[in-house]
Amino acid sequence: MSENLAVFRLTDDAFRTLINESRNRPELWNDPDTDFAVVLADSGVDKPLEKVEGVTALQPIHMEPPATGIAREADRQALDFHRNLQGMTQAKASDPQLWAWLNHFMLHAYGIARWPRRQSQDSTGHIRLHWLNENPGNLYESSIAGRTWWLAETCFKVERAGGRACDASQVLELFSGMAERYHYAMRFAFMRNPLIAAEYAGVLLNEAQGINSKGIRELVQNINHEAGVRLIDVLGRDQIRQLFIMHAEQAMTEPHNVTDRRYLRGVRPLRVLSLGAGTQSTVLALMADQGYEGMPRPDFAIFADTRWEPPEVYGHLEWLKSQLSYEIVTVSAGDIKQDVLQGRNPRGGGFLDIPTYLTLPNGTASIAKRQCTSDYKLDPIYRELRKRLGLEPGRRAPKDKQVEVWLGISKDEEIRQKPSRHEWITNRWPLVEKGYSRAQLHQWFKERYPERELPRSACIGCPYRSNSEWKYLKERVPEAFAEAVAVDHALRSDPRLLSLSKGQAYLHRSRIPLEDVDFSNTMDYANQMMEECEGLCGI
């Protein structure tokens, strides 16, 4: 086996020369291609390096500059480099001239890729802090090579001890993403124990995701208190880990300590099922009520009534109320059919909310803007939820107020999943999470309620209806189909509606009168409803 290779440090002369150069030519430290060996030679330094006793490398130290902007590649190279160092102790890691050599000769391009200078920072101050730090006590916090070595050693030591895996590049990403996670913690001497630092990093990556800078301070201060009342450095790893988890949980019960209310501990969100009274939301409501596959019960279900659903939907809704142990709340923004015929929306403005198919005066085809889901479903639901939370109109919801809205979208309609636009609402799709398709939901319902049929939920005149839906309405609910025909005719015969449409408007995508459409060319209902991207209709 060949002998390990020597590791060097800058001589005092070379170190002082670089410090002087940092004042005169700070631009050198912003250029990843700067060759500091040439800089020192040009400055008259004959012997810039001297051997470090007790530290060796397993292979020759050589680093290619990382591709521009690719911090991950830079991480890999830096971590491979640090893994090759042997005999680096905390005492030797306090040598500024050792780290200055590593920074400039080996890790300069890496440091620029991972920790670039912010525009607000003074160039000379940045160089003196990160590249040429003369204070050994600050090397863990400030020296780019020293900080990277410490993070790498933290992870490598855990791996060598046979503990849980510690992804060093992931830890680098964690700490460089919010510098205070690292810098504030390293102010406390006990945190420099690699095993303690490793458990701290592991908790931030797993149990304490979403903790913010205030939460970091509270967590570390509490651990500092623990270090004062017990010898934390000699505790077993499991005990150290439990301390961090306990105090992270405690910190994250305070709303001001989390970045996102979803991470807040100790506050169960108001759980609400958005009920459309169609196949998916009906089966989801029943599954939840029966605790099927461990589903919890919602606090209540909410049905946004446009007052233009087919009669069978309203009958089914009453049956569903008799089956569920939790409340179904009905909300409404008004009668969408009457509003369309009057050429208005719920806010009183002159606007056709539904996405009719248009033929414009110049002969081109277009589609009207769809506002109906927002006006007749989302807005009344949000008003009711705010009321349930005790929020006054216009008041921002505090972080300890949150709602989890369940939406009955199935696995075959995943494309319709959309996150909530409101910070106090989190959307969830339990049927997608459990992998249920629409066909499986039909089968589940049929096995338990063989005498009942599931209705198809959508406004009678919804332009997103497929041919099979229109055909079903025409043959099975002729009075409802007649209503749709009347509205379709009014869109082109009422002068007010013609003016609002700015063209000939139709409820069917063929752009011919509804009563003249041949519905034999059917289209799958679910595929058609994919266009309703809010995930509230047709479920």
Protein backbone atom coordinates (compact mmCIF):
# COMPACT_ATOMS: atom_id res chain seq x y z
CA MET A 1 0.00 0.00 0.00
CA SER A 2 1.42 3.37 -0.96
CA GLU A 3 2.00 6.03 1.68
CA ASN A 4 -0.60 8.76 2.05
CA LEU A 5 0.16 12.04 0.32
CA ALA A 6 1.11 15.22 2.18
CA VAL A 7 -1.30 18.10 2.69
CA PHE A 8 0.06 21.65 2.75
CA ARG A 9 -0.76 25.06 4.22
CA LEU A 10 0.14 28.56 3.12
CA THR A 11 3.31 30.00 4.60
CA ASP A 12 2.91 33.12 6.65
CA ASP A 13 4.44 35.16 3.82
CA ALA A 14 1.97 33.75 1.27
CA PHE A 15 -0.98 34.24 3.62
CA ARG A 16 -0.13 37.91 4.23
CA THR A 17 0.43 38.48 0.52
CA LEU A 18 -3.03 37.18 -0.31
CA ILE A 19 -4.55 39.40 2.37
CA ASN A 20 -2.88 42.42 0.77
CA GLU A 21 -4.05 41.32 -2.67
CA SER A 22 -7.63 41.06 -1.37
CA ARG A 23 -7.53 44.80 -0.64
CA ASN A 24 -5.99 45.76 -3.97
CA ARG A 25 -7.65 43.30 -6.35
CA PRO A 26 -10.90 41.91 -4.86
CA GLU A 27 -12.10 40.93 -8.34
CA LEU A 28 -9.75 37.94 -8.26
CA TRP A 29 -11.96 36.26 -5.66
CA ASN A 30 -15.03 36.50 -7.87
CA ASP A 31 -13.31 34.72 -10.78
CA PRO A 32 -13.48 30.89 -10.56
CA ASP A 33 -10.52 30.61 -12.97
CA THR A 34 -8.06 32.63 -10.88
CA ASP A 35 -4.77 30.74 -10.41
CA PHE A 36 -3.53 31.87 -7.01
CA ALA A 37 -0.20 30.09 -7.51
CA VAL A 38 0.46 32.54 -10.34
CA VAL A 39 -0.78 35.44 -8.20
CA LEU A 40 1.70 34.56 -5.47
CA ALA A 41 4.57 33.99 -7.95
CA ASP A 42 3.90 37.39 -9.54
CA SER A 43 4.03 38.91 -6.06
CA GLY A 44 7.51 37.50 -5.43
CA VAL A 45 6.60 34.67 -3.05
CA ASP A 46 9.13 31.90 -3.75
CA LYS A 47 7.88 29.19 -1.34
CA PRO A 48 4.14 29.62 -0.79
CA LEU A 49 3.45 26.24 0.87
CA GLU A 50 4.62 24.17 3.81
CA LYS A 51 3.69 20.65 4.92
CA VAL A 52 0.99 20.10 7.56
CA GLU A 53 2.03 17.52 10.11
CA GLY A 54 -0.56 14.86 10.96
CA VAL A 55 -2.86 15.48 7.97
CA THR A 56 -2.58 13.44 4.77
CA ALA A 57 -4.64 12.73 1.66
CA LEU A 58 -5.55 9.30 0.25
CA GLN A 59 -4.95 10.43 -3.32
CA PRO A 60 -3.61 13.47 -5.16
CA ILE A 61 -5.71 16.54 -4.53
CA HIS A 62 -7.10 17.85 -7.80
CA MET A 63 -10.45 19.47 -8.49
CA GLU A 64 -11.94 20.43 -11.82
CA PRO A 65 -13.99 23.65 -11.72
CA PRO A 66 -17.71 22.73 -11.57
CA ALA A 67 -20.01 23.54 -14.46
CA THR A 68 -21.34 27.07 -14.11
CA GLY A 69 -24.28 27.26 -11.73
CA ILE A 70 -24.30 23.53 -10.92
CA ALA A 71 -24.00 23.54 -7.14
CA ARG A 72 -24.73 19.82 -6.89
CA GLU A 73 -21.68 18.94 -9.01
CA ALA A 74 -19.62 21.34 -6.90
CA ASP A 75 -20.90 19.61 -3.74
CA ARG A 76 -19.89 16.19 -5.06
CA GLN A 77 -16.37 17.32 -5.85
CA ALA A 78 -15.91 19.13 -2.54
CA LEU A 79 -17.23 16.19 -0.54
CA ASP A 80 -15.06 13.70 -2.41
CA PHE A 81 -12.12 15.92 -1.64
CA HIS A 82 -12.91 16.09 2.08
CA ARG A 83 -13.48 12.34 2.25
CA ASN A 84 -9.83 11.89 1.18
CA LEU A 85 -8.44 13.94 4.06
CA GLN A 86 -7.02 11.85 6.90
CA GLY A 87 -6.15 13.02 10.38
CA MET A 88 -8.05 16.30 10.26
CA THR A 89 -8.96 17.12 13.86
CA GLN A 90 -10.80 20.05 15.40
CA ALA A 91 -7.45 21.55 16.41
CA LYS A 92 -6.00 21.31 12.90
CA ALA A 93 -9.29 22.50 11.46
CA SER A 94 -8.67 25.78 13.31
CA ASP A 95 -5.66 26.61 11.12
CA PRO A 96 -6.53 29.64 8.95
CA GLN A 97 -3.51 29.16 6.68
CA LEU A 98 -4.45 25.56 5.99
CA TRP A 99 -7.97 26.53 4.98
CA ALA A 100 -6.81 29.54 2.99
CA TRP A 101 -4.71 27.16 0.89
CA LEU A 102 -7.62 24.74 0.43
CA ASN A 103 -9.99 27.59 -0.47
CA HIS A 104 -7.77 29.21 -3.06
CA PHE A 105 -6.01 26.28 -4.63
CA MET A 106 -8.64 23.56 -4.49
CA LEU A 107 -12.07 24.88 -3.60
CA HIS A 108 -12.18 28.38 -5.04
CA ALA A 109 -14.53 27.56 -7.92
CA TYR A 110 -16.65 25.44 -5.58
CA GLY A 111 -17.06 28.28 -3.11
CA ILE A 112 -18.24 30.66 -5.82
CA ALA A 113 -20.79 28.11 -7.03
CA ARG A 114 -22.16 27.25 -3.58
CA TRP A 115 -21.78 30.47 -1.56
CA PRO A 116 -21.56 33.41 -4.00
CA ARG A 117 -21.15 36.94 -2.71
CA ARG A 118 -24.41 38.83 -2.39
CA GLN A 119 -24.56 42.18 -4.16
CA SER A 120 -25.17 43.90 -0.83
CA GLN A 121 -21.90 42.58 0.61
CA ASP A 122 -18.65 44.51 0.60
CA SER A 123 -16.15 42.64 -1.59
CA THR A 124 -13.16 43.01 0.70
CA GLY A 125 -15.16 42.11 3.80
CA HIS A 126 -16.54 39.04 2.04
CA ILE A 127 -13.05 37.89 1.05
CA ARG A 128 -11.58 38.43 4.50
CA LEU A 129 -14.47 36.54 6.10
CA HIS A 130 -14.89 33.58 3.76
CA TRP A 131 -11.50 33.10 2.17
CA LEU A 132 -8.84 34.66 4.41
CA ASN A 133 -10.33 34.50 7.88
CA GLU A 134 -7.60 35.13 10.45
CA ASN A 135 -9.70 34.17 13.49
CA PRO A 136 -9.49 30.41 14.19
CA GLY A 137 -12.68 30.54 16.25
CA ASN A 138 -14.72 31.60 13.21
CA LEU A 139 -13.49 28.97 10.78
CA TYR A 140 -16.41 26.58 11.39
CA GLU A 141 -18.84 29.40 10.66
CA SER A 142 -17.13 31.37 7.94
CA SER A 143 -14.34 29.66 6.01
CA ILE A 144 -15.88 28.05 2.93
CA ALA A 145 -13.54 25.06 2.99
CA GLY A 146 -13.70 24.79 6.78
CA ARG A 147 -17.48 24.88 6.82
CA THR A 148 -17.73 22.28 4.06
CA TRP A 149 -15.23 20.03 5.85
CA TRP A 150 -17.25 20.28 9.04
CA LEU A 151 -20.52 19.32 7.33
CA ALA A 152 -18.83 16.49 5.47
CA GLU A 153 -17.13 15.21 8.63
CA THR A 154 -20.46 15.35 10.46
CA CYS A 155 -22.00 12.97 7.93
CA PHE A 156 -18.96 10.75 7.40
CA LYS A 157 -18.55 10.23 11.15
CA VAL A 158 -22.15 9.08 11.47
CA GLU A 159 -21.69 6.66 8.58
CA ARG A 160 -18.46 5.28 10.07
CA ALA A 161 -20.22 4.81 13.42
CA GLY A 162 -22.77 2.56 11.71
CA GLY A 163 -25.64 4.96 12.26
CA ARG A 164 -28.38 6.00 9.90
CA ALA A 165 -27.36 7.28 6.50
CA CYS A 166 -26.44 10.94 6.34
CA ASP A 167 -26.45 12.50 2.88
CA ALA A 168 -23.73 15.13 3.05
CA SER A 169 -24.77 16.91 -0.14
CA GLN A 170 -28.33 17.11 1.19
CA VAL A 171 -27.00 18.65 4.40
CA LEU A 172 -25.03 21.21 2.39
CA GLU A 173 -28.19 22.11 0.51
CA LEU A 174 -30.07 22.42 3.79
CA PHE A 175 -27.61 24.79 5.43
CA SER A 176 -26.75 26.91 2.42
CA GLY A 177 -30.49 27.33 1.73
CA MET A 178 -30.96 29.09 5.08
CA ALA A 179 -27.55 30.05 6.46
CA GLU A 180 -28.92 30.69 9.94
CA ARG A 181 -29.66 26.99 10.34
CA TYR A 182 -25.90 26.48 10.42
CA HIS A 183 -24.36 29.78 11.51
CA TYR A 184 -26.57 30.38 14.53
CA ALA A 185 -26.18 26.80 15.74
CA MET A 186 -22.39 26.89 15.44
CA ARG A 187 -22.23 29.77 17.93
CA PHE A 188 -22.65 27.11 20.62
CA ALA A 189 -19.56 24.98 21.26
CA PHE A 190 -21.48 21.76 21.95
CA MET A 191 -23.00 21.92 18.44
CA ARG A 192 -19.53 21.39 16.96
CA ASN A 193 -19.58 17.78 18.10
CA PRO A 194 -20.14 16.00 14.75
CA LEU A 195 -22.65 13.52 16.18
CA ILE A 196 -24.72 16.30 17.76
CA ALA A 197 -24.55 18.32 14.54
CA ALA A 198 -25.57 15.23 12.55
CA GLU A 199 -28.68 14.67 14.67
CA TYR A 200 -29.53 18.37 14.38
CA ALA A 201 -29.25 18.17 10.58
CA GLY A 202 -31.28 14.95 10.47
CA VAL A 203 -34.13 16.51 12.45
CA LEU A 204 -34.16 19.59 10.20
CA LEU A 205 -34.32 17.37 7.12
CA ASN A 206 -37.09 15.13 8.48
CA GLU A 207 -39.08 15.99 11.60
CA ALA A 208 -38.65 19.78 11.47
CA GLN A 209 -39.28 20.58 7.81
CA GLY A 210 -40.84 24.03 7.58
CA ILE A 211 -39.18 25.50 10.66
CA ASN A 212 -38.15 29.13 10.13
CA SER A 213 -35.33 31.27 11.55
CA LYS A 214 -37.26 32.10 14.73
CA GLY A 215 -37.95 28.43 15.27
CA ILE A 216 -34.25 27.59 14.70
CA ARG A 217 -33.26 30.04 17.43
CA GLU A 218 -35.81 28.63 19.87
CA LEU A 219 -34.78 25.05 19.09
CA VAL A 220 -31.04 25.65 19.53
CA GLN A 221 -31.51 27.79 22.65
CA ASN A 222 -33.54 25.00 24.25
CA ILE A 223 -30.86 22.46 23.34
CA ASN A 224 -28.26 24.84 24.80
CA HIS A 225 -30.25 24.81 28.03
CA GLU A 226 -30.22 21.01 27.95
CA ALA A 227 -26.45 21.11 27.43
CA GLY A 228 -26.18 23.23 30.56
CA VAL A 229 -28.10 20.84 32.80
CA ARG A 230 -26.66 17.59 31.47
CA LEU A 231 -23.48 16.45 29.69
CA ILE A 232 -25.00 16.38 26.22
CA ASP A 233 -21.67 15.57 24.57
CA VAL A 234 -21.51 12.19 26.32
CA LEU A 235 -25.13 11.14 25.75
CA GLY A 236 -25.94 8.29 23.38
CA ARG A 237 -27.06 9.13 19.87
CA ASP A 238 -30.63 8.00 20.50
CA GLN A 239 -30.87 10.33 23.50
CA ILE A 240 -29.43 13.24 21.52
CA ARG A 241 -31.87 12.60 18.70
CA GLN A 242 -34.85 12.47 21.04
CA LEU A 243 -33.82 15.78 22.59
CA PHE A 244 -33.77 17.44 19.17
CA ILE A 245 -37.10 15.91 18.14
CA MET A 246 -38.75 16.94 21.41
CA HIS A 247 -37.58 20.54 21.17
CA ALA A 248 -38.29 20.77 17.44
CA GLU A 249 -41.86 19.63 18.10
CA GLN A 250 -42.14 22.18 20.89
CA ALA A 251 -40.79 25.02 18.73
CA MET A 252 -43.14 24.17 15.88
CA THR A 253 -46.27 24.46 18.00
CA GLU A 254 -45.80 28.25 17.76
CA PRO A 255 -47.21 29.78 14.54
CA HIS A 256 -44.37 32.31 14.30
CA ASN A 257 -41.80 29.48 14.12
CA VAL A 258 -43.00 27.85 10.88
CA THR A 259 -42.72 28.89 7.26
CA ASP A 260 -46.06 27.34 6.30
CA ARG A 261 -49.13 26.68 8.48
CA ARG A 262 -49.22 23.08 7.21
CA TYR A 263 -46.14 22.39 9.35
CA LEU A 264 -47.67 23.79 12.54
CA ARG A 265 -47.81 21.16 15.29
CA GLY A 266 -50.63 20.62 17.74
CA VAL A 267 -53.33 22.23 15.60
CA ARG A 268 -55.67 19.89 13.76
CA PRO A 269 -57.03 21.62 10.68
CA LEU A 270 -60.75 21.89 10.09
CA ARG A 271 -61.39 18.92 7.78
CA VAL A 272 -64.03 19.59 5.13
CA LEU A 273 -65.26 17.40 2.26
CA SER A 274 -66.24 19.28 -0.89
CA LEU A 275 -69.38 17.44 -1.97
CA GLY A 276 -70.60 17.58 -5.55
CA ALA A 277 -73.10 14.72 -5.01
CA GLY A 278 -71.72 12.86 -8.02
CA THR A 279 -69.93 9.51 -8.14
CA GLN A 280 -66.54 10.36 -6.65
CA SER A 281 -67.51 12.73 -3.85
CA THR A 282 -70.44 10.47 -2.85
CA VAL A 283 -68.22 7.41 -2.46
CA LEU A 284 -65.52 9.44 -0.70
CA ALA A 285 -68.14 10.79 1.74
CA LEU A 286 -69.40 7.27 2.52
CA MET A 287 -65.91 5.78 2.81
CA ALA A 288 -64.89 8.49 5.28
CA ASP A 289 -68.05 8.05 7.34
CA GLN A 290 -67.44 4.30 7.57
CA GLY A 291 -63.74 4.70 8.37
CA TYR A 292 -62.92 2.66 5.27
CA GLU A 293 -59.17 1.89 5.07
CA GLY A 294 -58.59 4.08 8.12
CA MET A 295 -60.09 7.27 6.66
CA PRO A 296 -60.98 9.81 9.35
CA ARG A 297 -64.39 11.50 9.34
CA PRO A 298 -64.56 15.06 8.04
CA ASP A 299 -65.92 17.72 10.36
CA PHE A 300 -68.60 18.38 7.76
CA ALA A 301 -69.27 18.23 4.03
CA ILE A 302 -70.14 21.28 1.98
CA PHE A 303 -72.34 21.35 -1.13
CA ALA A 304 -72.19 24.45 -3.33
CA ASP A 305 -75.61 24.67 -4.96
CA THR A 306 -75.83 26.45 -8.32
CA ARG A 307 -79.60 25.74 -8.21
CA TRP A 308 -79.40 24.23 -11.69
CA GLU A 309 -78.45 20.61 -10.97
CA PRO A 310 -80.63 17.81 -12.38
CA PRO A 311 -83.49 16.77 -10.05
CA GLU A 312 -81.85 13.39 -9.39
CA VAL A 313 -78.84 15.15 -7.83
CA TYR A 314 -81.02 16.94 -5.29
CA GLY A 315 -82.86 13.68 -4.51
CA HIS A 316 -79.53 11.88 -4.10
CA LEU A 317 -78.27 14.64 -1.82
CA GLU A 318 -81.23 14.13 0.54
CA TRP A 319 -80.56 10.37 0.59
CA LEU A 320 -76.90 11.01 1.35
CA LYS A 321 -77.81 13.23 4.29
CA SER A 322 -79.71 10.27 5.77
CA GLN A 323 -76.62 8.03 5.43
CA LEU A 324 -73.90 10.23 6.90
CA SER A 325 -73.23 10.84 10.56
CA TYR A 326 -71.71 14.27 9.88
CA GLU A 327 -73.37 17.44 8.64
CA ILE A 328 -73.85 18.40 4.99
CA VAL A 329 -73.88 22.18 4.69
CA THR A 330 -75.43 23.73 1.58
CA VAL A 331 -74.19 27.11 0.37
CA SER A 332 -75.17 29.09 -2.71
CA ALA A 333 -74.27 32.23 -4.60
CA GLY A 334 -77.59 32.27 -6.46
CA ASP A 335 -79.38 30.67 -9.39
CA ILE A 336 -76.91 30.33 -12.25
CA LYS A 337 -79.61 29.72 -14.88
CA GLN A 338 -81.53 32.89 -13.97
CA ASP A 339 -78.30 34.88 -13.78
CA VAL A 340 -77.29 33.71 -17.27
CA LEU A 341 -80.71 34.64 -18.67
CA GLN A 342 -80.44 38.06 -17.01
CA GLY A 343 -76.91 38.57 -18.32
CA ARG A 344 -75.36 39.05 -14.89
CA ASN A 345 -73.04 37.36 -12.40
CA PRO A 346 -73.42 37.01 -8.61
CA ARG A 347 -71.53 40.26 -8.08
CA GLY A 348 -74.10 42.14 -10.16
CA GLY A 349 -71.85 42.75 -13.15
CA GLY A 350 -72.82 42.25 -16.78
CA PHE A 351 -70.90 39.09 -17.61
CA LEU A 352 -71.76 35.59 -18.79
CA ASP A 353 -70.02 33.28 -16.33
CA ILE A 354 -70.32 30.03 -18.29
CA PRO A 355 -67.76 28.93 -20.94
CA THR A 356 -70.01 28.98 -23.99
CA TYR A 357 -68.68 28.08 -27.43
CA LEU A 358 -68.58 31.17 -29.64
CA THR A 359 -68.68 31.95 -33.32
CA LEU A 360 -67.36 35.50 -33.66
CA PRO A 361 -68.54 38.00 -36.31
CA ASN A 362 -65.39 37.40 -38.36
CA GLY A 363 -66.21 33.67 -38.49
CA THR A 364 -63.53 32.46 -36.08
CA ALA A 365 -64.32 30.09 -33.21
CA SER A 366 -63.66 30.96 -29.59
CA ILE A 367 -64.66 29.98 -26.06
CA ALA A 368 -66.04 32.41 -23.49
CA LYS A 369 -64.18 32.89 -20.21
CA ARG A 370 -65.20 30.45 -17.49
CA GLN A 371 -65.97 32.17 -14.20
CA CYS A 372 -68.83 29.97 -13.00
CA THR A 373 -66.79 27.57 -10.82
CA SER A 374 -65.22 30.47 -8.97
CA ASP A 375 -68.42 32.49 -8.58
CA TYR A 376 -70.91 29.73 -7.79
CA LYS A 377 -68.76 27.12 -6.03
CA LEU A 378 -65.42 28.41 -4.72
CA ASP A 379 -66.55 31.80 -3.42
CA PRO A 380 -69.57 30.58 -1.42
CA ILE A 381 -67.48 27.70 -0.03
CA TYR A 382 -64.74 30.11 1.06
CA ARG A 383 -67.28 32.41 2.70
CA GLU A 384 -68.67 29.52 4.72
CA LEU A 385 -65.21 28.29 5.73
CA ARG A 386 -64.17 31.76 6.89
CA LYS A 387 -67.40 31.97 8.87
CA ARG A 388 -66.65 28.61 10.52
CA LEU A 389 -63.17 29.83 11.45
CA GLY A 390 -64.60 33.03 12.91
CA LEU A 391 -62.81 35.27 10.41
CA GLU A 392 -64.25 38.66 9.58
CA PRO A 393 -64.43 39.68 5.90
CA GLY A 394 -61.08 40.92 4.63
CA ARG A 395 -59.15 39.68 7.68
CA ARG A 396 -56.10 37.53 6.99
CA ALA A 397 -56.30 34.10 8.59
CA PRO A 398 -53.74 33.66 11.41
CA LYS A 399 -51.39 30.68 11.16
CA ASP A 400 -53.27 28.69 13.77
CA LYS A 401 -56.36 28.73 11.55
CA GLN A 402 -56.23 26.20 8.75
CA VAL A 403 -58.60 24.09 6.68
CA GLU A 404 -58.01 20.80 4.88
CA VAL A 405 -60.41 20.48 1.95
CA TRP A 406 -61.01 16.99 0.56
CA LEU A 407 -61.79 16.84 -3.16
CA GLY A 408 -63.30 13.76 -4.80
CA ILE A 409 -60.96 13.42 -7.76
CA SER A 410 -60.07 9.84 -8.69
CA LYS A 411 -56.77 8.36 -9.84
CA ASP A 412 -57.72 8.56 -13.53
CA GLU A 413 -58.28 12.33 -13.23
CA GLU A 414 -55.05 13.29 -11.45
CA ILE A 415 -54.51 16.09 -13.95
CA ARG A 416 -57.34 18.00 -12.24
CA GLN A 417 -55.45 18.30 -8.96
CA LYS A 418 -54.65 21.92 -8.20
CA PRO A 419 -53.26 23.41 -4.98
CA SER A 420 -55.38 25.93 -3.11
CA ARG A 421 -54.86 29.60 -3.91
CA HIS A 422 -55.29 30.46 -0.24
CA GLU A 423 -52.54 29.98 2.35
CA TRP A 424 -55.06 28.90 5.01
CA ILE A 425 -56.50 26.09 2.85
CA THR A 426 -54.72 22.87 1.91
CA ASN A 427 -56.35 20.72 -0.78
CA ARG A 428 -56.21 16.93 -0.47
CA TRP A 429 -57.30 14.17 -2.82
CA PRO A 430 -57.80 11.00 -0.72
CA LEU A 431 -59.02 8.91 -3.67
CA VAL A 432 -55.85 9.69 -5.62
CA GLU A 433 -53.74 8.97 -2.53
CA LYS A 434 -55.35 5.52 -2.26
CA GLY A 435 -55.23 4.85 -6.00
CA TYR A 436 -58.97 4.55 -6.73
CA SER A 437 -60.28 4.93 -10.29
CA ARG A 438 -63.83 5.99 -11.16
CA ALA A 439 -64.66 2.40 -12.17
CA GLN A 440 -63.47 1.08 -8.80
CA LEU A 441 -65.63 3.63 -7.01
CA HIS A 442 -68.69 2.50 -8.99
CA GLN A 443 -67.91 -1.09 -8.01
CA TRP A 444 -67.47 -0.17 -4.33
CA PHE A 445 -70.84 1.60 -4.29
CA LYS A 446 -72.64 -1.14 -6.22
CA GLU A 447 -71.49 -3.83 -3.76
CA ARG A 448 -72.88 -1.90 -0.80
CA TYR A 449 -75.90 -0.14 -2.29
CA PRO A 450 -77.09 -2.41 -5.12
CA GLU A 451 -80.54 -0.81 -5.32
CA ARG A 452 -79.26 2.73 -5.94
CA GLU A 453 -77.76 4.52 -8.91
CA LEU A 454 -75.13 7.21 -8.64
CA PRO A 455 -76.17 10.49 -10.31
CA ARG A 456 -74.05 12.51 -12.69
CA SER A 457 -73.32 15.85 -11.10
CA ALA A 458 -73.04 18.95 -13.30
CA CYS A 459 -75.18 21.96 -14.05
CA ILE A 460 -77.97 21.17 -16.52
CA GLY A 461 -76.59 23.60 -19.07
CA CYS A 462 -72.89 23.00 -18.44
CA PRO A 463 -70.99 23.37 -21.75
CA TYR A 464 -68.49 20.76 -20.52
CA ARG A 465 -71.10 17.99 -20.77
CA SER A 466 -70.10 15.23 -23.17
CA ASN A 467 -72.40 13.85 -25.86
CA SER A 468 -73.15 10.85 -23.65
CA GLU A 469 -74.19 13.23 -20.87
CA TRP A 470 -76.40 15.28 -23.17
CA LYS A 471 -77.91 12.07 -24.52
CA TYR A 472 -78.60 10.80 -21.00
CA LEU A 473 -80.24 14.11 -20.07
CA LYS A 474 -82.38 14.15 -23.22
CA GLU A 475 -83.60 10.58 -22.80
CA ARG A 476 -83.82 10.24 -19.01
CA VAL A 477 -84.57 13.78 -17.81
CA PRO A 478 -86.38 15.45 -20.74
CA GLU A 479 -87.67 18.38 -18.69
CA ALA A 480 -84.10 19.28 -17.71
CA PHE A 481 -82.92 18.95 -21.31
CA ALA A 482 -85.74 21.29 -22.36
CA GLU A 483 -84.41 23.89 -19.88
CA ALA A 484 -80.94 23.63 -21.44
CA VAL A 485 -82.42 24.02 -24.96
CA ALA A 486 -84.28 27.16 -23.83
CA VAL A 487 -81.13 28.72 -22.40
CA ASP A 488 -79.13 27.76 -25.49
CA HIS A 489 -81.73 29.46 -27.69
CA ALA A 490 -81.81 32.58 -25.48
CA LEU A 491 -78.05 33.03 -25.83
CA ARG A 492 -78.57 33.83 -29.53
CA SER A 493 -81.99 35.45 -29.48
CA ASP A 494 -81.83 37.83 -26.49
CA PRO A 495 -80.17 41.13 -27.57
CA ARG A 496 -78.60 41.61 -24.12
CA LEU A 497 -76.96 38.20 -24.21
CA LEU A 498 -75.83 38.67 -27.79
CA SER A 499 -74.15 41.91 -26.75
CA LEU A 500 -72.36 40.25 -23.84
CA SER A 501 -71.22 37.29 -25.95
CA LYS A 502 -69.99 39.49 -28.79
CA GLY A 503 -70.84 36.61 -31.09
CA GLN A 504 -73.13 33.61 -31.49
CA ALA A 505 -72.95 31.53 -28.27
CA TYR A 506 -73.78 27.81 -27.94
CA LEU A 507 -73.87 25.29 -25.12
CA HIS A 508 -72.55 22.50 -27.35
CA ARG A 509 -69.01 22.41 -28.73
CA SER A 510 -70.30 21.73 -32.27
CA ARG A 511 -71.63 25.33 -32.28
CA ILE A 512 -75.05 24.32 -33.55
CA PRO A 513 -78.37 24.64 -31.65
CA LEU A 514 -78.61 22.08 -28.87
CA GLU A 515 -81.87 20.57 -30.11
CA ASP A 516 -80.23 19.84 -33.50
CA VAL A 517 -77.15 18.01 -32.17
CA ASP A 518 -76.70 14.32 -32.95
CA PHE A 519 -75.55 12.83 -29.66
CA SER A 520 -74.75 9.38 -31.07
CA ASN A 521 -71.06 10.32 -31.31
CA THR A 522 -70.41 10.05 -27.60
CA MET A 523 -67.36 11.22 -25.68
CA ASP A 524 -66.29 9.87 -22.33
CA TYR A 525 -67.70 12.09 -19.60
CA ALA A 526 -64.59 12.05 -17.43
CA ASN A 527 -62.35 13.14 -20.30
CA GLN A 528 -64.68 16.02 -21.13
CA MET A 529 -64.78 17.17 -17.51
CA MET A 530 -60.97 17.35 -17.46
CA GLU A 531 -61.43 20.87 -18.84
CA GLU A 532 -62.99 21.89 -15.52
CA CYS A 533 -59.62 22.44 -13.92
CA GLU A 534 -60.69 23.57 -10.44
CA GLY A 535 -61.63 20.00 -9.50
CA LEU A 536 -65.03 20.95 -8.05
CA CYS A 537 -67.49 20.06 -10.82
CA GLY A 538 -68.60 16.64 -11.92
CA ILE A 539 -67.52 14.87 -8.74
